[in-house]
Amino acid sequence: MSDELLKLRNEIDRLDEEILARLCERARCAQRVGEVKQGEPPFYRPEREAQVLRRLAELNPGPLPADAVKTIFREVMSACLGLEHPQRIAYLGPAGTFSESASRKQFGSAPGFLAMATIEDVFRAVEANNVDYGVVPVENSTEGGVSVTLDLLLASPVKVCGEVNLRIHQQLMSQADGIGAARRIYSHAQSLAQCHEWLNRNLPHLPRIPVASNAEAARLAAEDAESCAIAGEAAAQLYGLNILAPNIEDDPNNTTRFLVIADHDAGPSGKDRTSLVFSALNRPGAIHTLLEPLARHGVDMTKLQSRPAQSGLWEYVFYADINGHRQDADVAAALKELAERAAFVKVLGSYPVAAI
């Protein structure tokens, strides 16, 4: 070993010890925060976490990319928050799904994660205070909105306090080291559709068998050497499968948006989004009348989606996302006018725009 290399390694060791000391100092400070709060919830403040991550990304001098800095500090904050209050997070299971990956991306590795059988079960767990937070899919960039989630947001008293954007990368995996032994492919129907063109080009002869989830597909492939699965990387790690072909999705920008639900929304962070649902009176120009206050107050609407209402045939409710927090003056004024004109309005929550 050269003297220069030894010198660099010694310097890295010194820096690691310094980082560890600082981390422990930060953890003790977090414990003190918990003592000052005297057990008063909520311990997790999405707006505070978003502000910290944005500030550190702006201060980052390199060479680490901003996303790496955010990921590192997300884990630091997760571990420190766990010292204040061990969190419980419900998500749409089973383990190894993209919902679990989204949950870990938002909350880090420290909380306890509970896999639920259905999206309804996630909402029920939050409503019953059996968990601190729930993570549910709400829309996919290629498949559109998740109807069950939208309907439950309308009916449930829970609030939206955060969002997670997860890039969906589909992996072809198996026990085998190569594709040659494969006789069948398991995956969720949506994932099979998202990889349709790749499969037609590369494995047109193999039967495609839809199952309840990608994690279930990985479990089946782990039990049968002649089977492949299409799932996320987390499922491959969970079931000890080899990734035979990475990132086989037809759309490389395929992204699913998840919402974090709780008994509270978030305070203003400086870069927020507000979700709401409303219905219009049955008269000409009703939608234009409802949306006019948003335009006049300079509030940007990023999403507008209709869903059949549960109240009657050919009646609809409209889901909207707008930029800004409900406490911002322009947003508050626009929402007040919208409520005066609409047949029904429910603000689902204000929360920080996804930080990672």
Protein backbone atom coordinates (compact mmCIF):
# COMPACT_ATOMS: atom_id res chain seq x y z
CA MET A 1 0.00 0.00 0.00
CA SER A 2 1.39 3.41 -0.97
CA ASP A 3 1.95 6.12 1.61
CA GLU A 4 -0.56 8.36 -0.18
CA LEU A 5 -3.32 5.70 -0.06
CA LEU A 6 -2.64 4.98 3.61
CA LYS A 7 -2.80 8.67 4.38
CA LEU A 8 -6.18 9.00 2.60
CA ARG A 9 -7.64 5.99 4.42
CA ASN A 10 -6.51 7.37 7.77
CA GLU A 11 -8.17 10.67 6.91
CA ILE A 12 -11.41 8.85 6.00
CA ASP A 13 -11.30 7.00 9.34
CA ARG A 14 -10.85 10.31 11.15
CA LEU A 15 -13.76 11.87 9.29
CA ASP A 16 -15.97 8.83 10.01
CA GLU A 17 -15.29 9.21 13.72
CA GLU A 18 -16.09 12.91 13.52
CA ILE A 19 -19.34 12.19 11.64
CA LEU A 20 -20.33 9.57 14.23
CA ALA A 21 -19.71 11.99 17.08
CA ARG A 22 -21.84 14.65 15.37
CA LEU A 23 -24.62 12.14 14.66
CA CYS A 24 -24.75 11.12 18.31
CA GLU A 25 -24.82 14.78 19.30
CA ARG A 26 -27.75 15.34 16.93
CA ALA A 27 -29.54 12.27 18.33
CA ARG A 28 -29.20 13.59 21.89
CA CYS A 29 -30.63 16.91 20.73
CA ALA A 30 -33.59 15.06 19.15
CA GLN A 31 -34.18 13.24 22.42
CA ARG A 32 -34.25 16.58 24.19
CA VAL A 33 -36.86 17.83 21.69
CA GLY A 34 -39.05 14.87 22.64
CA GLU A 35 -38.68 15.73 26.32
CA VAL A 36 -39.61 19.37 25.70
CA LYS A 37 -42.72 18.28 23.78
CA GLN A 38 -43.65 16.14 26.81
CA GLY A 39 -45.20 13.45 24.65
CA GLU A 40 -47.43 15.87 22.73
CA PRO A 41 -48.11 14.59 19.17
CA PRO A 42 -47.44 14.87 16.35
CA PHE A 43 -43.76 14.04 16.67
CA TYR A 44 -43.32 13.83 12.90
CA ARG A 45 -43.66 17.23 11.22
CA PRO A 46 -43.64 16.85 7.42
CA GLU A 47 -43.20 20.57 6.85
CA ARG A 48 -40.14 20.75 9.13
CA GLU A 49 -38.55 17.73 7.47
CA ALA A 50 -39.16 19.16 4.00
CA GLN A 51 -37.59 22.48 5.01
CA VAL A 52 -34.50 20.71 6.40
CA LEU A 53 -34.00 18.60 3.26
CA ARG A 54 -34.42 21.58 0.92
CA ARG A 55 -32.01 23.71 2.95
CA LEU A 56 -29.33 21.02 3.01
CA ALA A 57 -29.70 20.42 -0.73
CA GLU A 58 -29.20 24.15 -1.32
CA LEU A 59 -26.15 24.24 0.97
CA ASN A 60 -24.61 21.15 -0.63
CA PRO A 61 -21.22 22.09 -2.15
CA GLY A 62 -20.74 18.69 -3.85
CA PRO A 63 -19.46 16.32 -5.03
CA LEU A 64 -22.44 14.36 -3.63
CA PRO A 65 -25.59 14.93 -5.73
CA ALA A 66 -28.52 16.66 -4.02
CA ASP A 67 -30.68 13.51 -4.02
CA ALA A 68 -27.93 11.58 -2.24
CA VAL A 69 -27.68 14.28 0.43
CA LYS A 70 -31.45 14.18 0.94
CA THR A 71 -31.48 10.38 1.19
CA ILE A 72 -28.67 10.35 3.76
CA PHE A 73 -30.31 12.99 5.94
CA ARG A 74 -33.72 11.35 5.60
CA GLU A 75 -32.21 8.29 7.32
CA VAL A 76 -30.55 10.46 9.96
CA MET A 77 -33.86 12.17 10.75
CA SER A 78 -35.67 8.83 10.71
CA ALA A 79 -33.30 7.33 13.28
CA CYS A 80 -33.43 10.42 15.51
CA LEU A 81 -37.23 10.59 15.35
CA GLY A 82 -37.32 6.95 16.37
CA LEU A 83 -35.62 7.96 19.63
CA GLU A 84 -38.39 10.49 20.30
CA HIS A 85 -41.29 8.24 19.33
CA PRO A 86 -41.16 4.89 17.48
CA GLN A 87 -43.53 5.33 14.53
CA ARG A 88 -45.90 2.80 12.98
CA ILE A 89 -46.59 3.08 9.26
CA ALA A 90 -49.32 1.17 7.40
CA TYR A 91 -49.01 0.50 3.68
CA LEU A 92 -50.63 -1.64 0.99
CA GLY A 93 -48.89 -5.00 1.31
CA PRO A 94 -47.54 -7.54 1.11
CA ALA A 95 -43.88 -6.83 1.92
CA GLY A 96 -41.73 -6.15 -1.11
CA THR A 97 -44.28 -4.03 -2.99
CA PHE A 98 -43.76 -0.57 -4.43
CA SER A 99 -46.01 0.73 -1.63
CA GLU A 100 -43.45 -0.47 0.91
CA SER A 101 -40.66 1.18 -1.09
CA ALA A 102 -42.61 4.45 -1.11
CA SER A 103 -43.16 4.19 2.65
CA ARG A 104 -39.46 3.69 3.31
CA LYS A 105 -38.57 6.51 0.94
CA GLN A 106 -40.78 8.87 2.95
CA PHE A 107 -40.04 7.71 6.49
CA GLY A 108 -36.62 6.04 6.32
CA SER A 109 -35.77 2.71 7.91
CA ALA A 110 -36.48 3.38 11.59
CA PRO A 111 -40.29 3.02 11.85
CA GLY A 112 -42.24 -0.21 12.14
CA PHE A 113 -43.94 -0.95 8.81
CA LEU A 114 -47.24 -2.83 8.77
CA ALA A 115 -48.39 -4.48 5.54
CA MET A 116 -52.16 -4.25 5.02
CA ALA A 117 -54.24 -6.47 2.76
CA THR A 118 -56.18 -3.62 1.11
CA ILE A 119 -56.15 0.15 0.73
CA GLU A 120 -59.33 0.19 2.83
CA ASP A 121 -57.39 -1.48 5.65
CA VAL A 122 -54.75 1.26 5.55
CA PHE A 123 -57.45 3.91 5.98
CA ARG A 124 -59.09 1.94 8.80
CA ALA A 125 -55.78 1.55 10.65
CA VAL A 126 -55.21 5.33 10.52
CA GLU A 127 -58.79 6.14 11.50
CA ALA A 128 -58.58 3.79 14.50
CA ASN A 129 -55.21 5.24 15.60
CA ASN A 130 -53.66 1.79 15.30
CA VAL A 131 -50.84 3.40 13.30
CA ASP A 132 -49.38 6.88 13.10
CA TYR A 133 -49.48 7.20 9.32
CA GLY A 134 -50.64 5.40 6.20
CA VAL A 135 -49.18 5.41 2.69
CA VAL A 136 -51.56 4.80 -0.22
CA PRO A 137 -51.18 5.02 -4.03
CA VAL A 138 -53.29 7.75 -5.60
CA GLU A 139 -52.21 7.93 -9.27
CA ASN A 140 -49.81 6.51 -11.84
CA SER A 141 -48.38 8.49 -14.72
CA THR A 142 -49.47 5.89 -17.27
CA GLU A 143 -52.49 4.19 -15.65
CA GLY A 144 -54.19 7.25 -14.11
CA GLY A 145 -55.93 7.63 -10.76
CA VAL A 146 -56.48 4.92 -8.15
CA SER A 147 -60.27 4.89 -7.76
CA VAL A 148 -60.36 3.18 -4.36
CA THR A 149 -58.05 5.77 -2.81
CA LEU A 150 -59.98 8.68 -4.31
CA ASP A 151 -63.32 7.36 -3.03
CA LEU A 152 -61.91 6.75 0.46
CA LEU A 153 -60.40 10.24 0.64
CA LEU A 154 -63.90 11.60 0.05
CA ALA A 155 -65.57 9.39 2.66
CA SER A 156 -62.90 9.19 5.38
CA PRO A 157 -62.08 11.82 8.03
CA VAL A 158 -58.30 11.35 7.54
CA LYS A 159 -56.13 14.17 6.23
CA VAL A 160 -53.35 14.20 3.64
CA CYS A 161 -50.06 15.32 5.21
CA GLY A 162 -47.48 14.31 2.59
CA GLU A 163 -46.79 12.91 -0.85
CA VAL A 164 -44.19 10.54 -2.32
CA ASN A 165 -43.26 10.21 -5.97
CA LEU A 166 -41.74 6.82 -6.74
CA ARG A 167 -40.18 6.01 -10.11
CA ILE A 168 -41.46 2.54 -11.02
CA HIS A 169 -38.67 0.30 -12.32
CA GLN A 170 -39.75 -3.23 -13.20
CA GLN A 171 -37.18 -6.03 -12.89
CA LEU A 172 -37.33 -9.50 -14.45
CA MET A 173 -36.19 -11.91 -11.73
CA SER A 174 -35.79 -15.62 -11.10
CA GLN A 175 -33.89 -18.25 -9.12
CA ALA A 176 -31.99 -19.04 -12.31
CA ASP A 177 -28.96 -17.22 -13.64
CA GLY A 178 -30.43 -16.84 -17.13
CA ILE A 179 -33.71 -16.55 -18.99
CA GLY A 180 -33.31 -19.82 -20.88
CA ALA A 181 -34.88 -22.00 -18.17
CA ALA A 182 -38.00 -19.83 -17.81
CA ARG A 183 -41.37 -21.42 -18.64
CA ARG A 184 -43.76 -18.76 -17.29
CA ILE A 185 -43.87 -15.17 -15.98
CA TYR A 186 -45.80 -14.02 -12.92
CA SER A 187 -46.69 -10.41 -12.14
CA HIS A 188 -49.50 -8.05 -11.29
CA ALA A 189 -51.69 -7.27 -14.31
CA GLN A 190 -50.68 -3.60 -14.25
CA SER A 191 -46.98 -4.47 -14.31
CA LEU A 192 -47.50 -6.91 -17.17
CA ALA A 193 -49.19 -4.10 -19.08
CA GLN A 194 -46.35 -1.69 -18.30
CA CYS A 195 -43.81 -4.18 -19.72
CA HIS A 196 -45.94 -5.35 -22.64
CA GLU A 197 -43.66 -4.20 -25.48
CA TRP A 198 -40.47 -5.47 -23.83
CA LEU A 199 -42.05 -8.87 -23.28
CA ASN A 200 -43.29 -9.00 -26.88
CA ARG A 201 -39.76 -8.34 -28.15
CA ASN A 202 -37.81 -10.55 -25.77
CA LEU A 203 -40.09 -13.27 -24.38
CA PRO A 204 -43.10 -13.51 -26.69
CA HIS A 205 -43.44 -17.28 -26.21
CA LEU A 206 -43.78 -17.31 -22.40
CA PRO A 207 -47.25 -17.31 -20.81
CA ARG A 208 -47.93 -14.29 -18.62
CA ILE A 209 -49.81 -15.11 -15.44
CA PRO A 210 -51.40 -12.23 -13.49
CA VAL A 211 -51.35 -12.49 -9.67
CA ALA A 212 -52.50 -10.32 -6.76
CA SER A 213 -49.25 -8.36 -6.36
CA ASN A 214 -45.69 -8.15 -7.61
CA ALA A 215 -44.46 -9.41 -4.26
CA GLU A 216 -46.67 -12.48 -4.65
CA ALA A 217 -45.16 -12.99 -8.12
CA ALA A 218 -41.66 -12.91 -6.58
CA ARG A 219 -42.71 -15.41 -3.91
CA LEU A 220 -43.99 -17.80 -6.55
CA ALA A 221 -40.80 -17.44 -8.59
CA ALA A 222 -38.76 -18.19 -5.46
CA GLU A 223 -40.59 -21.52 -5.15
CA ASP A 224 -40.22 -22.57 -8.79
CA ALA A 225 -36.93 -22.49 -10.71
CA GLU A 226 -38.79 -22.50 -14.04
CA SER A 227 -40.72 -19.32 -13.23
CA CYS A 228 -39.83 -15.65 -13.57
CA ALA A 229 -41.43 -12.68 -11.89
CA ILE A 230 -41.71 -9.01 -12.76
CA ALA A 231 -41.44 -6.90 -9.63
CA GLY A 232 -39.42 -4.20 -7.94
CA GLU A 233 -35.88 -4.55 -6.67
CA ALA A 234 -37.13 -4.78 -3.07
CA ALA A 235 -39.02 -7.98 -3.90
CA ALA A 236 -35.90 -9.51 -5.44
CA GLN A 237 -33.94 -8.75 -2.27
CA LEU A 238 -36.73 -10.05 -0.04
CA TYR A 239 -36.97 -13.41 -1.81
CA GLY A 240 -33.32 -13.82 -2.81
CA LEU A 241 -33.93 -13.73 -6.57
CA ASN A 242 -31.49 -12.84 -9.33
CA ILE A 243 -32.35 -9.88 -11.54
CA LEU A 244 -32.10 -11.22 -15.08
CA ALA A 245 -33.09 -8.00 -16.86
CA PRO A 246 -33.31 -4.61 -15.11
CA ASN A 247 -35.71 -1.76 -15.83
CA ILE A 248 -37.86 -3.49 -18.44
CA GLU A 249 -40.79 -1.05 -18.19
CA ASP A 250 -41.84 0.39 -21.56
CA ASP A 251 -42.01 3.95 -20.19
CA PRO A 252 -38.76 4.89 -18.39
CA ASN A 253 -40.55 7.83 -16.74
CA ASN A 254 -43.30 5.66 -15.25
CA THR A 255 -44.02 7.12 -11.79
CA THR A 256 -46.56 6.42 -9.08
CA ARG A 257 -47.64 9.12 -6.67
CA PHE A 258 -48.49 8.10 -3.11
CA LEU A 259 -50.20 10.11 -0.39
CA VAL A 260 -49.37 10.05 3.32
CA ILE A 261 -52.54 10.06 5.43
CA ALA A 262 -52.98 10.81 9.14
CA ASP A 263 -55.32 12.51 11.57
CA HIS A 264 -53.69 15.85 10.68
CA ASP A 265 -52.28 17.62 7.66
CA ALA A 266 -49.02 19.62 7.63
CA GLY A 267 -48.14 23.21 8.42
CA PRO A 268 -46.73 25.57 5.77
CA SER A 269 -43.25 24.65 4.53
CA GLY A 270 -42.81 27.33 1.86
CA LYS A 271 -43.38 24.94 -1.05
CA ASP A 272 -46.70 23.19 -0.57
CA ARG A 273 -49.63 21.58 -2.31
CA THR A 274 -53.29 21.44 -1.28
CA SER A 275 -55.70 18.69 -2.31
CA LEU A 276 -59.46 19.14 -2.31
CA VAL A 277 -62.65 17.58 -3.64
CA PHE A 278 -65.79 19.49 -4.60
CA SER A 279 -69.06 19.19 -6.51
CA ALA A 280 -70.74 21.71 -8.77
CA LEU A 281 -74.33 22.86 -8.93
CA ASN A 282 -76.17 21.50 -11.97
CA ARG A 283 -76.30 24.61 -14.12
CA PRO A 284 -74.51 26.00 -17.22
CA GLY A 285 -70.96 27.22 -16.60
CA ALA A 286 -70.84 25.78 -13.09
CA ILE A 287 -67.26 24.48 -13.33
CA HIS A 288 -66.01 27.76 -14.80
CA THR A 289 -67.70 29.61 -11.94
CA LEU A 290 -65.96 27.40 -9.36
CA LEU A 291 -62.50 27.66 -10.89
CA GLU A 292 -62.60 31.40 -11.59
CA PRO A 293 -61.50 32.41 -8.04
CA LEU A 294 -58.37 30.26 -8.38
CA ALA A 295 -57.36 32.11 -11.54
CA ARG A 296 -58.21 35.53 -10.13
CA HIS A 297 -56.14 34.96 -6.98
CA GLY A 298 -53.21 33.55 -8.98
CA VAL A 299 -53.49 30.01 -7.59
CA ASP A 300 -52.04 27.37 -9.91
CA MET A 301 -54.11 24.20 -10.31
CA THR A 302 -51.95 21.18 -11.18
CA LYS A 303 -54.67 18.52 -11.35
CA LEU A 304 -58.40 18.27 -12.01
CA GLN A 305 -60.10 14.87 -12.18
CA SER A 306 -63.75 13.85 -12.09
CA ARG A 307 -65.20 10.79 -10.37
CA PRO A 308 -68.78 9.49 -10.25
CA ALA A 309 -70.42 10.57 -7.02
CA GLN A 310 -72.02 8.01 -4.75
CA SER A 311 -75.17 10.14 -4.45
CA GLY A 312 -76.85 9.47 -7.77
CA LEU A 313 -76.67 8.57 -11.48
CA TRP A 314 -74.60 10.93 -13.67
CA GLU A 315 -73.50 13.04 -10.73
CA TYR A 316 -69.81 13.75 -10.30
CA VAL A 317 -67.27 15.09 -7.83
CA PHE A 318 -64.04 16.78 -8.85
CA TYR A 319 -60.62 16.20 -7.29
CA ALA A 320 -58.11 19.04 -7.60
CA ASP A 321 -54.54 19.75 -6.54
CA ILE A 322 -53.42 23.36 -6.26
CA ASN A 323 -50.04 24.86 -5.47
CA GLY A 324 -49.76 26.56 -2.09
CA HIS A 325 -50.90 25.94 1.49
CA ARG A 326 -54.48 26.45 2.67
CA GLN A 327 -53.13 29.02 5.15
CA ASP A 328 -51.50 31.12 2.40
CA ALA A 329 -53.50 34.31 1.91
CA ASP A 330 -54.17 33.82 -1.83
CA VAL A 331 -55.10 30.15 -1.41
CA ALA A 332 -57.33 30.84 1.59
CA ALA A 333 -59.18 33.59 -0.29
CA ALA A 334 -59.69 31.40 -3.36
CA LEU A 335 -60.90 28.44 -1.28
CA LYS A 336 -63.34 30.68 0.62
CA GLU A 337 -64.92 31.89 -2.62
CA LEU A 338 -64.99 28.38 -4.08
CA ALA A 339 -66.80 27.11 -0.98
CA GLU A 340 -69.43 29.86 -1.34
CA ARG A 341 -70.13 28.81 -4.95
CA ALA A 342 -69.86 25.01 -4.76
CA ALA A 343 -72.50 22.51 -3.72
CA PHE A 344 -69.87 20.76 -1.61
CA VAL A 345 -66.16 21.30 -0.78
CA LYS A 346 -63.77 19.20 1.31
CA VAL A 347 -60.13 20.22 1.74
CA LEU A 348 -58.26 16.92 1.99
CA GLY A 349 -55.10 18.53 3.32
CA SER A 350 -52.12 20.78 2.68
CA TYR A 351 -48.64 19.24 2.66
CA PRO A 352 -45.09 19.79 1.38
CA VAL A 353 -44.36 19.05 -2.24
CA ALA A 354 -42.33 15.81 -2.38
CA ALA A 355 -38.78 16.66 -1.32
CA ILE A 356 -37.03 13.62 -2.87
